[in-house]
Amino acid sequence: MANKKEKQEKKLGPEEEAKVRESLAKEAEENLEDVTLSSLAAAGFATPEQYGKLGTEVYRLATNQTPTQRAYDILYKPSLQTEGESLSGLKLKKGAQNIMIESIRALKVENLLKRMGYEGKVLEKYVGRYVNGLSDEDANEILGAYVTTLTDSYVGKALAQRQINVIGGLENKFGEPKKEKE
């Protein structure tokens, strides 16, 4: 038995379907741009096997700031409004990961490659195609590449912050107090 969404999709003509896809892609772009969603997702993607304890550092950086309104509305608020439900770090990371994955799948290949910094020409067979319309192998490859790029970016930020903290700690112990400018 088809669900309501499937029935509605079957009724859409090509133009309406294109509009829906573009609307979903626009929303996906906004999700991928959201610093709270992307940093929480990166914290979840940063497995200890690949990144050691840096995933924890990424999570700490993500949660040491006020969540964006978008992240609050689609990730935090639903849990806070459900009676008896708690908001755990694992739940935040998993929720953000799911949002990122679905957002990646809703984009056109060329737009996703551009987001990752690719400046070359996209092969004609991929131009205009959405990631969720690719073969499983191709979709998983581009999804994995984006996840790795995203995670590496946030792990790099966590490393930079850790270095600042280490230097600051040494400065506090071994450095002369900074003189205020008169």
N, C-alpha and C. Protein backbone atom coordinates (compact mmCIF):
# COMPACT_ATOMS: atom_id res chain seq x y z
N MET A 1 0.84 -1.18 0.00
CA MET A 1 0.00 0.00 0.00
C MET A 1 0.88 1.24 0.00
N ALA A 2 0.64 2.11 -0.90
CA ALA A 2 1.43 3.34 -1.03
C ALA A 2 1.01 4.33 0.04
N ASN A 3 2.00 5.03 0.58
CA ASN A 3 1.65 6.04 1.58
C ASN A 3 1.20 7.32 0.89
N LYS A 4 0.75 8.28 1.68
CA LYS A 4 0.19 9.52 1.16
C LYS A 4 1.20 10.29 0.29
N LYS A 5 2.46 10.34 0.76
CA LYS A 5 3.49 11.07 0.03
C LYS A 5 3.70 10.45 -1.35
N GLU A 6 3.76 9.12 -1.41
CA GLU A 6 3.95 8.45 -2.69
C GLU A 6 2.78 8.73 -3.63
N LYS A 7 1.57 8.76 -3.10
CA LYS A 7 0.40 9.05 -3.93
C LYS A 7 0.47 10.46 -4.49
N GLN A 8 0.91 11.40 -3.64
CA GLN A 8 1.02 12.78 -4.10
C GLN A 8 2.10 12.92 -5.17
N GLU A 9 3.23 12.21 -4.97
CA GLU A 9 4.32 12.28 -5.94
C GLU A 9 3.88 11.74 -7.30
N LYS A 10 3.05 10.69 -7.30
CA LYS A 10 2.59 10.10 -8.56
C LYS A 10 1.69 11.06 -9.33
N LYS A 11 1.03 11.96 -8.63
CA LYS A 11 0.12 12.90 -9.27
C LYS A 11 0.86 14.09 -9.88
N LEU A 12 2.10 14.30 -9.48
CA LEU A 12 2.85 15.45 -9.96
C LEU A 12 3.31 15.25 -11.40
N GLY A 13 3.16 16.30 -12.17
CA GLY A 13 3.70 16.28 -13.52
C GLY A 13 5.17 16.63 -13.48
N PRO A 14 5.84 16.57 -14.61
CA PRO A 14 7.28 16.85 -14.65
C PRO A 14 7.65 18.24 -14.13
N GLU A 15 6.86 19.24 -14.47
CA GLU A 15 7.17 20.60 -14.01
C GLU A 15 7.01 20.72 -12.50
N GLU A 16 5.93 20.16 -11.97
CA GLU A 16 5.71 20.22 -10.53
C GLU A 16 6.78 19.43 -9.78
N GLU A 17 7.14 18.29 -10.33
CA GLU A 17 8.18 17.47 -9.70
C GLU A 17 9.51 18.23 -9.68
N ALA A 18 9.83 18.92 -10.76
CA ALA A 18 11.06 19.72 -10.82
C ALA A 18 11.04 20.82 -9.76
N LYS A 19 9.88 21.46 -9.58
CA LYS A 19 9.76 22.51 -8.58
C LYS A 19 9.96 21.95 -7.16
N VAL A 20 9.38 20.79 -6.91
CA VAL A 20 9.53 20.15 -5.59
C VAL A 20 11.00 19.81 -5.34
N ARG A 21 11.65 19.24 -6.36
CA ARG A 21 13.08 18.88 -6.22
C ARG A 21 13.93 20.12 -5.95
N GLU A 22 13.65 21.20 -6.67
CA GLU A 22 14.40 22.44 -6.47
C GLU A 22 14.17 23.01 -5.08
N SER A 23 12.93 22.92 -4.60
CA SER A 23 12.61 23.38 -3.26
C SER A 23 13.36 22.56 -2.21
N LEU A 24 13.38 21.24 -2.40
CA LEU A 24 14.10 20.36 -1.48
C LEU A 24 15.60 20.63 -1.54
N ALA A 25 16.12 20.90 -2.73
CA ALA A 25 17.54 21.20 -2.88
C ALA A 25 17.90 22.52 -2.18
N LYS A 26 17.01 23.50 -2.28
CA LYS A 26 17.25 24.79 -1.61
C LYS A 26 17.30 24.59 -0.09
N GLU A 27 16.36 23.81 0.43
CA GLU A 27 16.34 23.51 1.86
C GLU A 27 17.59 22.72 2.25
N ALA A 28 18.01 21.80 1.40
CA ALA A 28 19.21 21.01 1.66
C ALA A 28 20.44 21.91 1.74
N GLU A 29 20.54 22.87 0.83
CA GLU A 29 21.66 23.81 0.85
C GLU A 29 21.69 24.58 2.17
N GLU A 30 20.52 25.00 2.64
CA GLU A 30 20.44 25.73 3.90
C GLU A 30 20.88 24.85 5.06
N ASN A 31 20.50 23.57 5.02
CA ASN A 31 20.93 22.64 6.07
C ASN A 31 22.45 22.47 6.06
N LEU A 32 23.02 22.31 4.88
CA LEU A 32 24.46 22.11 4.77
C LEU A 32 25.25 23.36 5.16
N GLU A 33 24.65 24.52 5.00
CA GLU A 33 25.28 25.78 5.39
C GLU A 33 25.21 26.03 6.89
N ASP A 34 24.29 25.38 7.56
CA ASP A 34 24.06 25.63 8.98
C ASP A 34 25.23 25.11 9.81
N VAL A 35 25.90 26.01 10.52
CA VAL A 35 27.10 25.66 11.27
C VAL A 35 26.81 24.70 12.42
N THR A 36 25.68 24.83 13.07
CA THR A 36 25.35 23.93 14.17
C THR A 36 25.09 22.52 13.64
N LEU A 37 24.25 22.41 12.62
CA LEU A 37 23.95 21.10 12.06
C LEU A 37 25.20 20.42 11.52
N SER A 38 26.00 21.17 10.78
CA SER A 38 27.18 20.56 10.16
C SER A 38 28.23 20.19 11.20
N SER A 39 28.41 21.01 12.22
CA SER A 39 29.42 20.67 13.24
C SER A 39 28.97 19.49 14.10
N LEU A 40 27.70 19.42 14.44
CA LEU A 40 27.21 18.26 15.19
C LEU A 40 27.32 16.98 14.35
N ALA A 41 26.99 17.09 13.07
CA ALA A 41 27.12 15.92 12.18
C ALA A 41 28.58 15.50 12.09
N ALA A 42 29.48 16.46 11.92
CA ALA A 42 30.91 16.14 11.83
C ALA A 42 31.38 15.46 13.12
N ALA A 43 30.87 15.91 14.26
CA ALA A 43 31.24 15.27 15.53
C ALA A 43 30.79 13.81 15.54
N GLY A 44 29.66 13.53 14.96
CA GLY A 44 29.18 12.15 14.87
C GLY A 44 29.94 11.33 13.85
N PHE A 45 30.33 11.95 12.74
CA PHE A 45 31.06 11.25 11.70
C PHE A 45 32.52 10.98 12.10
N ALA A 46 33.05 11.76 13.03
CA ALA A 46 34.45 11.64 13.46
C ALA A 46 34.61 10.45 14.40
N THR A 47 34.76 9.28 13.82
CA THR A 47 34.87 8.06 14.62
C THR A 47 36.21 8.02 15.35
N PRO A 48 36.25 7.41 16.54
CA PRO A 48 37.51 7.29 17.27
C PRO A 48 38.58 6.54 16.48
N GLU A 49 38.16 5.58 15.66
CA GLU A 49 39.12 4.82 14.87
C GLU A 49 39.88 5.71 13.88
N GLN A 50 39.19 6.68 13.32
CA GLN A 50 39.81 7.57 12.34
C GLN A 50 40.39 8.84 12.94
N TYR A 51 39.74 9.37 13.96
CA TYR A 51 40.10 10.69 14.46
C TYR A 51 40.48 10.72 15.95
N GLY A 52 40.52 9.58 16.60
CA GLY A 52 40.84 9.57 18.03
C GLY A 52 39.82 10.36 18.82
N LYS A 53 40.31 11.18 19.74
CA LYS A 53 39.42 11.96 20.61
C LYS A 53 39.00 13.28 19.99
N LEU A 54 39.39 13.53 18.76
CA LEU A 54 39.05 14.81 18.13
C LEU A 54 37.56 14.96 17.87
N GLY A 55 36.84 13.86 17.72
CA GLY A 55 35.39 13.94 17.58
C GLY A 55 34.76 14.59 18.80
N THR A 56 35.30 14.27 19.98
CA THR A 56 34.82 14.88 21.22
C THR A 56 35.10 16.37 21.21
N GLU A 57 36.26 16.76 20.70
CA GLU A 57 36.60 18.18 20.61
C GLU A 57 35.66 18.91 19.64
N VAL A 58 35.35 18.26 18.53
CA VAL A 58 34.41 18.85 17.56
C VAL A 58 33.05 19.03 18.22
N TYR A 59 32.60 18.02 18.96
CA TYR A 59 31.31 18.12 19.66
C TYR A 59 31.34 19.26 20.68
N ARG A 60 32.43 19.38 21.41
CA ARG A 60 32.54 20.44 22.42
C ARG A 60 32.45 21.82 21.75
N LEU A 61 33.15 21.99 20.63
CA LEU A 61 33.07 23.27 19.91
C LEU A 61 31.64 23.53 19.42
N ALA A 62 30.97 22.48 18.95
CA ALA A 62 29.61 22.63 18.43
C ALA A 62 28.62 23.03 19.52
N THR A 63 28.81 22.48 20.71
CA THR A 63 27.84 22.73 21.78
C THR A 63 28.22 23.88 22.69
N ASN A 64 29.40 24.46 22.49
CA ASN A 64 29.81 25.62 23.29
C ASN A 64 29.31 26.93 22.69
N GLN A 65 28.44 26.82 21.72
CA GLN A 65 27.86 28.02 21.11
C GLN A 65 26.34 27.84 21.08
N THR A 66 25.65 28.93 21.02
CA THR A 66 24.20 28.87 20.92
C THR A 66 23.83 28.26 19.58
N PRO A 67 22.92 27.28 19.58
CA PRO A 67 22.54 26.69 18.29
C PRO A 67 21.86 27.72 17.39
N THR A 68 22.04 27.54 16.10
CA THR A 68 21.35 28.41 15.15
C THR A 68 19.85 28.19 15.29
N GLN A 69 19.07 29.14 14.84
CA GLN A 69 17.62 29.01 14.90
C GLN A 69 17.16 27.79 14.10
N ARG A 70 17.76 27.59 12.95
CA ARG A 70 17.40 26.45 12.09
C ARG A 70 17.64 25.13 12.84
N ALA A 71 18.83 24.99 13.43
CA ALA A 71 19.15 23.77 14.16
C ALA A 71 18.22 23.60 15.36
N TYR A 72 17.93 24.69 16.03
CA TYR A 72 17.02 24.61 17.17
C TYR A 72 15.65 24.10 16.73
N ASP A 73 15.15 24.67 15.64
CA ASP A 73 13.81 24.31 15.17
C ASP A 73 13.69 22.86 14.69
N ILE A 74 14.71 22.36 14.01
CA ILE A 74 14.56 21.02 13.43
C ILE A 74 15.26 19.91 14.20
N LEU A 75 16.11 20.29 15.16
CA LEU A 75 16.85 19.25 15.89
C LEU A 75 16.57 19.28 17.39
N TYR A 76 16.68 20.44 17.99
CA TYR A 76 16.51 20.55 19.44
C TYR A 76 15.04 20.57 19.86
N LYS A 77 14.28 21.46 19.27
CA LYS A 77 12.90 21.73 19.69
C LYS A 77 12.00 20.48 19.71
N PRO A 78 12.02 19.63 18.67
CA PRO A 78 11.15 18.45 18.72
C PRO A 78 11.40 17.56 19.93
N SER A 79 12.66 17.39 20.31
CA SER A 79 12.98 16.57 21.48
C SER A 79 12.55 17.26 22.77
N LEU A 80 12.73 18.56 22.82
CA LEU A 80 12.37 19.29 24.03
C LEU A 80 10.85 19.33 24.23
N GLN A 81 10.09 19.23 23.15
CA GLN A 81 8.64 19.29 23.25
C GLN A 81 7.99 17.93 23.48
N THR A 82 8.77 16.86 23.34
CA THR A 82 8.22 15.52 23.55
C THR A 82 8.40 15.15 25.01
N GLU A 83 7.29 14.89 25.67
CA GLU A 83 7.33 14.60 27.09
C GLU A 83 8.09 13.31 27.35
N GLY A 84 8.95 13.35 28.34
CA GLY A 84 9.70 12.18 28.73
C GLY A 84 10.92 11.89 27.86
N GLU A 85 11.18 12.75 26.91
CA GLU A 85 12.31 12.53 26.02
C GLU A 85 13.46 13.44 26.43
N SER A 86 14.64 12.89 26.44
CA SER A 86 15.80 13.70 26.80
C SER A 86 16.60 14.04 25.55
N LEU A 87 17.43 15.03 25.69
CA LEU A 87 18.24 15.52 24.58
C LEU A 87 19.70 15.17 24.89
N SER A 88 20.17 14.08 24.32
CA SER A 88 21.53 13.63 24.59
C SER A 88 22.46 14.03 23.44
N GLY A 89 23.75 14.00 23.74
CA GLY A 89 24.74 14.29 22.72
C GLY A 89 24.64 13.32 21.56
N LEU A 90 24.44 12.06 21.86
CA LEU A 90 24.32 11.05 20.81
C LEU A 90 23.12 11.34 19.92
N LYS A 91 22.02 11.72 20.54
CA LYS A 91 20.81 12.02 19.77
C LYS A 91 21.02 13.24 18.86
N LEU A 92 21.69 14.26 19.38
CA LEU A 92 21.98 15.45 18.57
C LEU A 92 22.87 15.10 17.38
N LYS A 93 23.91 14.33 17.65
CA LYS A 93 24.84 13.96 16.57
C LYS A 93 24.14 13.09 15.52
N LYS A 94 23.39 12.10 15.95
CA LYS A 94 22.70 11.21 15.00
C LYS A 94 21.66 11.99 14.20
N GLY A 95 20.92 12.86 14.86
CA GLY A 95 19.93 13.66 14.16
C GLY A 95 20.57 14.55 13.11
N ALA A 96 21.67 15.20 13.48
CA ALA A 96 22.38 16.07 12.54
C ALA A 96 22.98 15.26 11.39
N GLN A 97 23.50 14.08 11.70
CA GLN A 97 24.04 13.22 10.64
C GLN A 97 22.95 12.86 9.63
N ASN A 98 21.79 12.48 10.11
CA ASN A 98 20.68 12.12 9.22
C ASN A 98 20.27 13.30 8.35
N ILE A 99 20.20 14.48 8.94
CA ILE A 99 19.84 15.68 8.19
C ILE A 99 20.88 15.95 7.10
N MET A 100 22.16 15.83 7.45
CA MET A 100 23.23 16.07 6.46
C MET A 100 23.16 15.05 5.32
N ILE A 101 22.97 13.80 5.65
CA ILE A 101 22.92 12.76 4.62
C ILE A 101 21.74 12.99 3.67
N GLU A 102 20.58 13.28 4.22
CA GLU A 102 19.42 13.53 3.37
C GLU A 102 19.61 14.80 2.54
N SER A 103 20.28 15.78 3.12
CA SER A 103 20.54 17.03 2.39
C SER A 103 21.51 16.80 1.24
N ILE A 104 22.54 16.02 1.49
CA ILE A 104 23.51 15.69 0.44
C ILE A 104 22.79 14.99 -0.71
N ARG A 105 21.94 14.06 -0.39
CA ARG A 105 21.23 13.28 -1.41
C ARG A 105 20.26 14.13 -2.22
N ALA A 106 19.83 15.28 -1.68
CA ALA A 106 18.85 16.12 -2.36
C ALA A 106 19.49 17.12 -3.33
N LEU A 107 20.81 17.17 -3.38
CA LEU A 107 21.49 18.15 -4.24
C LEU A 107 21.86 17.57 -5.59
N LYS A 108 22.04 18.47 -6.55
CA LYS A 108 22.57 18.08 -7.84
C LYS A 108 24.07 17.80 -7.66
N VAL A 109 24.57 16.87 -8.44
CA VAL A 109 25.97 16.46 -8.35
C VAL A 109 26.90 17.66 -8.48
N GLU A 110 26.67 18.50 -9.49
CA GLU A 110 27.58 19.63 -9.71
C GLU A 110 27.56 20.62 -8.54
N ASN A 111 26.41 20.78 -7.90
CA ASN A 111 26.34 21.69 -6.75
C ASN A 111 27.09 21.12 -5.55
N LEU A 112 26.99 19.83 -5.35
CA LEU A 112 27.70 19.20 -4.24
C LEU A 112 29.21 19.24 -4.48
N LEU A 113 29.64 18.94 -5.69
CA LEU A 113 31.06 19.00 -6.00
C LEU A 113 31.60 20.42 -5.81
N LYS A 114 30.83 21.41 -6.19
CA LYS A 114 31.23 22.81 -6.02
C LYS A 114 31.38 23.13 -4.53
N ARG A 115 30.47 22.64 -3.71
CA ARG A 115 30.55 22.86 -2.27
C ARG A 115 31.83 22.27 -1.68
N MET A 116 32.33 21.21 -2.30
CA MET A 116 33.54 20.56 -1.81
C MET A 116 34.80 21.21 -2.38
N GLY A 117 34.64 22.22 -3.23
CA GLY A 117 35.78 22.93 -3.76
C GLY A 117 36.21 22.50 -5.14
N TYR A 118 35.46 21.62 -5.76
CA TYR A 118 35.81 21.16 -7.11
C TYR A 118 35.50 22.27 -8.10
N GLU A 119 36.49 22.61 -8.92
CA GLU A 119 36.32 23.70 -9.88
C GLU A 119 36.35 23.22 -11.32
N GLY A 120 36.55 21.94 -11.53
CA GLY A 120 36.63 21.40 -12.88
C GLY A 120 35.25 21.23 -13.52
N LYS A 121 35.28 20.70 -14.72
CA LYS A 121 34.04 20.46 -15.46
C LYS A 121 33.48 19.10 -15.06
N VAL A 122 32.19 19.06 -14.79
CA VAL A 122 31.51 17.82 -14.42
C VAL A 122 31.16 17.07 -15.69
N LEU A 123 31.35 15.77 -15.65
CA LEU A 123 31.01 14.95 -16.81
C LEU A 123 29.55 15.14 -17.18
N GLU A 124 29.29 15.19 -18.46
CA GLU A 124 27.94 15.44 -18.99
C GLU A 124 26.89 14.47 -18.41
N LYS A 125 27.28 13.22 -18.20
CA LYS A 125 26.31 12.24 -17.70
C LYS A 125 25.85 12.52 -16.26
N TYR A 126 26.58 13.42 -15.55
CA TYR A 126 26.19 13.76 -14.18
C TYR A 126 25.57 15.15 -14.06
N VAL A 127 25.70 15.97 -15.07
CA VAL A 127 25.17 17.33 -15.03
C VAL A 127 23.64 17.29 -14.92
N GLY A 128 23.13 18.02 -13.96
CA GLY A 128 21.68 18.11 -13.77
C GLY A 128 21.09 16.95 -13.00
N ARG A 129 21.90 15.98 -12.64
CA ARG A 129 21.39 14.82 -11.91
C ARG A 129 21.53 15.03 -10.41
N TYR A 130 20.55 14.57 -9.68
CA TYR A 130 20.58 14.65 -8.23
C TYR A 130 21.31 13.43 -7.67
N VAL A 131 21.96 13.62 -6.52
CA VAL A 131 22.71 12.53 -5.91
C VAL A 131 21.79 11.33 -5.66
N ASN A 132 20.55 11.59 -5.22
CA ASN A 132 19.64 10.48 -4.94
C ASN A 132 19.13 9.79 -6.21
N GLY A 133 19.52 10.29 -7.38
CA GLY A 133 19.15 9.65 -8.64
C GLY A 133 20.30 8.88 -9.27
N LEU A 134 21.45 8.85 -8.58
CA LEU A 134 22.61 8.12 -9.08
C LEU A 134 22.52 6.64 -8.69
N SER A 135 23.40 5.84 -9.25
CA SER A 135 23.50 4.45 -8.81
C SER A 135 23.93 4.46 -7.35
N ASP A 136 23.65 3.40 -6.63
CA ASP A 136 24.03 3.34 -5.22
C ASP A 136 25.54 3.55 -5.05
N GLU A 137 26.30 2.95 -5.94
CA GLU A 137 27.76 3.06 -5.86
C GLU A 137 28.21 4.51 -6.01
N ASP A 138 27.71 5.19 -7.03
CA ASP A 138 28.09 6.59 -7.25
C ASP A 138 27.59 7.49 -6.12
N ALA A 139 26.35 7.28 -5.69
CA ALA A 139 25.79 8.10 -4.61
C ALA A 139 26.59 7.92 -3.33
N ASN A 140 26.93 6.68 -3.00
CA ASN A 140 27.70 6.42 -1.78
C ASN A 140 29.11 7.00 -1.87
N GLU A 141 29.68 6.97 -3.05
CA GLU A 141 31.03 7.53 -3.22
C GLU A 141 31.03 9.04 -3.00
N ILE A 142 30.10 9.73 -3.61
CA ILE A 142 30.07 11.19 -3.46
C ILE A 142 29.62 11.58 -2.05
N LEU A 143 28.72 10.81 -1.47
CA LEU A 143 28.29 11.06 -0.10
C LEU A 143 29.47 10.88 0.86
N GLY A 144 30.21 9.79 0.69
CA GLY A 144 31.37 9.53 1.54
C GLY A 144 32.42 10.61 1.41
N ALA A 145 32.63 11.09 0.19
CA ALA A 145 33.62 12.15 -0.03
C ALA A 145 33.20 13.43 0.67
N TYR A 146 31.91 13.77 0.59
CA TYR A 146 31.44 14.99 1.25
C TYR A 146 31.56 14.87 2.77
N VAL A 147 31.16 13.71 3.30
CA VAL A 147 31.24 13.48 4.74
C VAL A 147 32.69 13.60 5.22
N THR A 148 33.61 13.02 4.47
CA THR A 148 35.03 13.09 4.83
C THR A 148 35.52 14.53 4.80
N THR A 149 35.16 15.26 3.76
CA THR A 149 35.56 16.67 3.63
C THR A 149 35.01 17.50 4.79
N LEU A 150 33.73 17.30 5.09
CA LEU A 150 33.09 18.03 6.19
C LEU A 150 33.77 17.70 7.52
N THR A 151 33.96 16.43 7.78
CA THR A 151 34.55 16.00 9.05
C THR A 151 35.98 16.51 9.18
N ASP A 152 36.77 16.36 8.13
CA ASP A 152 38.15 16.85 8.17
C ASP A 152 38.21 18.34 8.45
N SER A 153 37.27 19.09 7.88
CA SER A 153 37.23 20.53 8.09
C SER A 153 37.01 20.86 9.57
N TYR A 154 36.04 20.21 10.19
CA TYR A 154 35.75 20.49 11.60
C TYR A 154 36.82 19.93 12.53
N VAL A 155 37.42 18.80 12.18
CA VAL A 155 38.52 18.27 12.98
C VAL A 155 39.71 19.23 12.90
N GLY A 156 39.94 19.82 11.73
CA GLY A 156 41.00 20.83 11.59
C GLY A 156 40.76 22.02 12.50
N LYS A 157 39.51 22.45 12.58
CA LYS A 157 39.17 23.57 13.47
C LYS A 157 39.39 23.19 14.93
N ALA A 158 39.04 21.95 15.27
CA ALA A 158 39.23 21.48 16.65
C ALA A 158 40.72 21.40 16.99
N LEU A 159 41.53 20.96 16.04
CA LEU A 159 42.99 20.92 16.25
C LEU A 159 43.55 22.32 16.46
N ALA A 160 43.11 23.25 15.64
CA ALA A 160 43.58 24.63 15.76
C ALA A 160 43.20 25.20 17.12
N GLN A 161 41.98 24.92 17.58
CA GLN A 161 41.54 25.42 18.89
C GLN A 161 42.34 24.77 20.01
N ARG A 162 42.62 23.49 19.86
CA ARG A 162 43.40 22.79 20.88
C ARG A 162 44.81 23.39 20.97
N GLN A 163 45.39 23.71 19.82
CA GLN A 163 46.72 24.30 19.81
C GLN A 163 46.70 25.67 20.50
N ILE A 164 45.68 26.47 20.25
CA ILE A 164 45.54 27.77 20.91
C ILE A 164 45.43 27.58 22.42
N ASN A 165 44.66 26.58 22.84
CA ASN A 165 44.49 26.32 24.28
C ASN A 165 45.80 25.88 24.92
N VAL A 166 46.57 25.03 24.25
CA VAL A 166 47.85 24.56 24.78
C VAL A 166 48.81 25.74 24.92
N ILE A 167 48.91 26.54 23.89
CA ILE A 167 49.81 27.70 23.93
C ILE A 167 49.37 28.68 25.01
N GLY A 168 48.06 28.89 25.11
CA GLY A 168 47.54 29.78 26.15
C GLY A 168 47.86 29.28 27.54
N GLY A 169 47.77 27.97 27.74
CA GLY A 169 48.10 27.39 29.04
C GLY A 169 49.57 27.57 29.37
N LEU A 170 50.44 27.38 28.39
CA LEU A 170 51.87 27.59 28.60
C LEU A 170 52.18 29.06 28.87
N GLU A 171 51.50 29.92 28.14
CA GLU A 171 51.71 31.35 28.31
C GLU A 171 51.31 31.78 29.73
N ASN A 172 50.20 31.23 30.23
CA ASN A 172 49.74 31.57 31.57
C ASN A 172 50.74 31.14 32.63
N LYS A 173 51.40 29.99 32.41
CA LYS A 173 52.33 29.47 33.40
C LYS A 173 53.73 30.06 33.26
N PHE A 174 54.22 30.16 32.03
CA PHE A 174 55.61 30.53 31.81
C PHE A 174 55.82 31.94 31.28
N GLY A 175 54.78 32.57 30.79
CA GLY A 175 54.94 33.88 30.17
C GLY A 175 54.78 35.01 31.15
N GLU A 176 55.35 36.13 30.78
CA GLU A 176 55.18 37.33 31.57
C GLU A 176 53.77 37.87 31.31
N PRO A 177 53.17 38.45 32.33
CA PRO A 177 51.85 39.06 32.13
C PRO A 177 51.90 40.12 31.06
N LYS A 178 50.90 40.18 30.26
CA LYS A 178 50.84 41.20 29.21
C LYS A 178 50.55 42.55 29.84
N LYS A 179 51.28 43.51 29.37
CA LYS A 179 51.10 44.88 29.90
C LYS A 179 50.00 45.54 29.08
N GLU A 180 49.14 46.24 29.80
CA GLU A 180 48.08 46.98 29.13
C GLU A 180 48.67 48.22 28.48
N LYS A 181 48.17 48.51 27.31
CA LYS A 181 48.63 49.73 26.60
C LYS A 181 48.04 50.95 27.30
N GLU A 182 48.89 51.94 27.43
CA GLU A 182 48.44 53.16 28.11
C GLU A 182 47.77 54.10 27.17
